[in-house]
Amino acid sequence: MAVLKVIEVLASSEKSWENAAENALEHASKSLKNIRSLYVNEQNCVVGDDGKIKEYRMNCKITFEVK
């Protein structure tokens, strides 16, 4: 039986949703081991004065195994 823990992470990117998810995982993996999954809970973006997307943001949950 495995013990799993879930944390919530806020991430952003100027490129894409995928890049924001990669940023969340990269940052979390600096202090967490045994990461099992990343679940995107919510997405939003910042729109600039020119009407274009300026920043992609996401709220995600990262699950990892506690040993």
N, C-alpha and C. Protein backbone atom coordinates (compact mmCIF):
# COMPACT_ATOMS: atom_id res chain seq x y z
N MET A 1 0.84 -1.18 0.00
CA MET A 1 0.00 0.00 0.00
C MET A 1 0.89 1.24 0.00
N ALA A 2 0.54 2.20 -0.82
CA ALA A 2 1.31 3.43 -0.94
C ALA A 2 0.57 4.57 -0.25
N VAL A 3 1.35 5.48 0.32
CA VAL A 3 0.78 6.69 0.90
C VAL A 3 1.06 7.83 -0.09
N LEU A 4 -0.02 8.48 -0.53
CA LEU A 4 0.11 9.56 -1.50
C LEU A 4 -0.32 10.87 -0.86
N LYS A 5 0.31 11.95 -1.29
CA LYS A 5 -0.04 13.28 -0.81
C LYS A 5 -0.30 14.16 -2.02
N VAL A 6 -1.23 15.10 -1.87
CA VAL A 6 -1.58 16.01 -2.95
C VAL A 6 -1.32 17.44 -2.49
N ILE A 7 -0.61 18.20 -3.32
CA ILE A 7 -0.40 19.62 -3.04
C ILE A 7 -0.97 20.44 -4.19
N GLU A 8 -1.29 21.67 -3.92
CA GLU A 8 -1.83 22.57 -4.94
C GLU A 8 -0.73 23.56 -5.33
N VAL A 9 -0.59 23.75 -6.64
CA VAL A 9 0.46 24.60 -7.18
C VAL A 9 -0.14 25.59 -8.18
N LEU A 10 0.30 26.83 -8.12
CA LEU A 10 -0.08 27.84 -9.10
C LEU A 10 1.11 28.04 -10.03
N ALA A 11 0.85 28.01 -11.33
CA ALA A 11 1.93 28.15 -12.30
C ALA A 11 1.51 29.07 -13.43
N SER A 12 2.51 29.60 -14.13
CA SER A 12 2.19 30.49 -15.25
C SER A 12 3.25 30.36 -16.34
N SER A 13 2.89 30.87 -17.51
CA SER A 13 3.79 30.87 -18.65
C SER A 13 3.34 31.95 -19.63
N GLU A 14 4.27 32.53 -20.32
CA GLU A 14 3.94 33.49 -21.38
C GLU A 14 3.73 32.78 -22.72
N LYS A 15 4.01 31.46 -22.77
CA LYS A 15 3.96 30.71 -24.02
C LYS A 15 2.66 29.94 -24.23
N SER A 16 2.29 29.06 -23.25
CA SER A 16 1.15 28.17 -23.46
C SER A 16 0.71 27.51 -22.16
N TRP A 17 -0.45 26.83 -22.22
CA TRP A 17 -0.92 26.06 -21.06
C TRP A 17 0.05 24.92 -20.78
N GLU A 18 0.51 24.26 -21.85
CA GLU A 18 1.44 23.14 -21.68
C GLU A 18 2.72 23.58 -21.00
N ASN A 19 3.21 24.74 -21.38
CA ASN A 19 4.42 25.25 -20.77
C ASN A 19 4.20 25.60 -19.30
N ALA A 20 3.02 26.10 -18.96
CA ALA A 20 2.70 26.39 -17.56
C ALA A 20 2.71 25.10 -16.74
N ALA A 21 2.15 24.02 -17.30
CA ALA A 21 2.15 22.72 -16.61
C ALA A 21 3.57 22.21 -16.43
N GLU A 22 4.39 22.35 -17.46
CA GLU A 22 5.80 21.94 -17.37
C GLU A 22 6.53 22.76 -16.31
N ASN A 23 6.23 24.06 -16.21
CA ASN A 23 6.85 24.91 -15.20
C ASN A 23 6.45 24.46 -13.79
N ALA A 24 5.18 24.11 -13.62
CA ALA A 24 4.71 23.63 -12.30
C ALA A 24 5.44 22.37 -11.91
N LEU A 25 5.55 21.43 -12.85
CA LEU A 25 6.21 20.16 -12.57
C LEU A 25 7.70 20.35 -12.31
N GLU A 26 8.33 21.19 -13.11
CA GLU A 26 9.77 21.44 -12.94
C GLU A 26 10.06 22.06 -11.57
N HIS A 27 9.25 23.04 -11.18
CA HIS A 27 9.47 23.70 -9.89
C HIS A 27 9.19 22.74 -8.73
N ALA A 28 8.10 21.98 -8.82
CA ALA A 28 7.75 21.05 -7.73
C ALA A 28 8.79 19.95 -7.59
N SER A 29 9.36 19.50 -8.70
CA SER A 29 10.33 18.40 -8.64
C SER A 29 11.65 18.81 -7.99
N LYS A 30 11.86 20.10 -7.78
CA LYS A 30 13.06 20.54 -7.07
C LYS A 30 13.02 20.15 -5.60
N SER A 31 11.82 20.06 -5.03
CA SER A 31 11.70 19.72 -3.61
C SER A 31 10.91 18.45 -3.35
N LEU A 32 10.28 17.88 -4.36
CA LEU A 32 9.48 16.66 -4.18
C LEU A 32 10.07 15.51 -4.97
N LYS A 33 9.99 14.33 -4.40
CA LYS A 33 10.40 13.11 -5.10
C LYS A 33 9.17 12.25 -5.32
N ASN A 34 9.26 11.31 -6.21
CA ASN A 34 8.20 10.33 -6.48
C ASN A 34 6.89 10.96 -6.93
N ILE A 35 6.97 11.99 -7.79
CA ILE A 35 5.75 12.62 -8.32
C ILE A 35 5.06 11.62 -9.24
N ARG A 36 3.76 11.46 -9.04
CA ARG A 36 2.98 10.48 -9.81
C ARG A 36 2.07 11.12 -10.86
N SER A 37 1.50 12.30 -10.55
CA SER A 37 0.58 12.90 -11.52
C SER A 37 0.43 14.40 -11.29
N LEU A 38 -0.04 15.06 -12.34
CA LEU A 38 -0.37 16.48 -12.29
C LEU A 38 -1.78 16.62 -12.86
N TYR A 39 -2.69 17.16 -12.07
CA TYR A 39 -4.08 17.35 -12.46
C TYR A 39 -4.35 18.84 -12.59
N VAL A 40 -4.79 19.26 -13.77
CA VAL A 40 -5.10 20.68 -13.98
C VAL A 40 -6.49 20.94 -13.43
N ASN A 41 -6.54 21.78 -12.41
CA ASN A 41 -7.79 22.07 -11.72
C ASN A 41 -8.51 23.26 -12.35
N GLU A 42 -7.77 24.27 -12.73
CA GLU A 42 -8.37 25.51 -13.25
C GLU A 42 -7.37 26.21 -14.15
N GLN A 43 -7.88 26.85 -15.20
CA GLN A 43 -7.03 27.62 -16.10
C GLN A 43 -7.62 29.01 -16.29
N ASN A 44 -6.73 29.99 -16.41
CA ASN A 44 -7.17 31.34 -16.76
C ASN A 44 -6.00 32.05 -17.44
N CYS A 45 -6.27 33.20 -17.98
CA CYS A 45 -5.19 33.93 -18.63
C CYS A 45 -5.36 35.43 -18.42
N VAL A 46 -4.25 36.12 -18.59
CA VAL A 46 -4.23 37.57 -18.49
C VAL A 46 -4.23 38.11 -19.91
N VAL A 47 -5.12 39.05 -20.18
CA VAL A 47 -5.22 39.66 -21.51
C VAL A 47 -4.63 41.06 -21.44
N GLY A 48 -3.75 41.35 -22.38
CA GLY A 48 -3.10 42.65 -22.42
C GLY A 48 -3.98 43.72 -23.04
N ASP A 49 -3.50 44.94 -23.02
CA ASP A 49 -4.23 46.08 -23.59
C ASP A 49 -4.48 45.93 -25.09
N ASP A 50 -3.66 45.13 -25.74
CA ASP A 50 -3.82 44.90 -27.18
C ASP A 50 -4.84 43.81 -27.51
N GLY A 51 -5.46 43.25 -26.47
CA GLY A 51 -6.47 42.22 -26.67
C GLY A 51 -5.91 40.83 -26.89
N LYS A 52 -4.62 40.65 -26.71
CA LYS A 52 -3.98 39.34 -26.88
C LYS A 52 -3.60 38.76 -25.54
N ILE A 53 -3.48 37.43 -25.51
CA ILE A 53 -3.12 36.76 -24.26
C ILE A 53 -1.69 37.12 -23.90
N LYS A 54 -1.55 37.58 -22.66
CA LYS A 54 -0.25 38.02 -22.15
C LYS A 54 0.40 36.92 -21.30
N GLU A 55 -0.43 36.19 -20.55
CA GLU A 55 0.09 35.15 -19.65
C GLU A 55 -0.95 34.06 -19.45
N TYR A 56 -0.50 32.80 -19.52
CA TYR A 56 -1.34 31.64 -19.24
C TYR A 56 -1.11 31.24 -17.78
N ARG A 57 -2.20 31.02 -17.04
CA ARG A 57 -2.08 30.64 -15.63
C ARG A 57 -2.90 29.39 -15.37
N MET A 58 -2.40 28.59 -14.43
CA MET A 58 -3.16 27.40 -14.05
C MET A 58 -2.98 27.09 -12.58
N ASN A 59 -4.01 26.50 -12.05
CA ASN A 59 -4.01 25.98 -10.70
C ASN A 59 -4.04 24.47 -10.87
N CYS A 60 -3.03 23.77 -10.36
CA CYS A 60 -2.98 22.33 -10.55
C CYS A 60 -2.67 21.62 -9.25
N LYS A 61 -2.98 20.33 -9.24
CA LYS A 61 -2.71 19.48 -8.08
C LYS A 61 -1.66 18.46 -8.49
N ILE A 62 -0.64 18.34 -7.66
CA ILE A 62 0.44 17.40 -7.91
C ILE A 62 0.38 16.31 -6.84
N THR A 63 0.34 15.07 -7.30
CA THR A 63 0.29 13.93 -6.39
C THR A 63 1.65 13.26 -6.37
N PHE A 64 2.14 12.96 -5.15
CA PHE A 64 3.42 12.28 -5.01
C PHE A 64 3.33 11.25 -3.90
N GLU A 65 4.20 10.27 -4.00
CA GLU A 65 4.23 9.18 -3.02
C GLU A 65 5.16 9.54 -1.87
N VAL A 66 4.68 9.33 -0.65
CA VAL A 66 5.47 9.56 0.54
C VAL A 66 6.08 8.22 0.94
N LYS A 67 7.38 8.18 1.10
CA LYS A 67 8.04 6.92 1.48
C LYS A 67 8.55 6.98 2.89
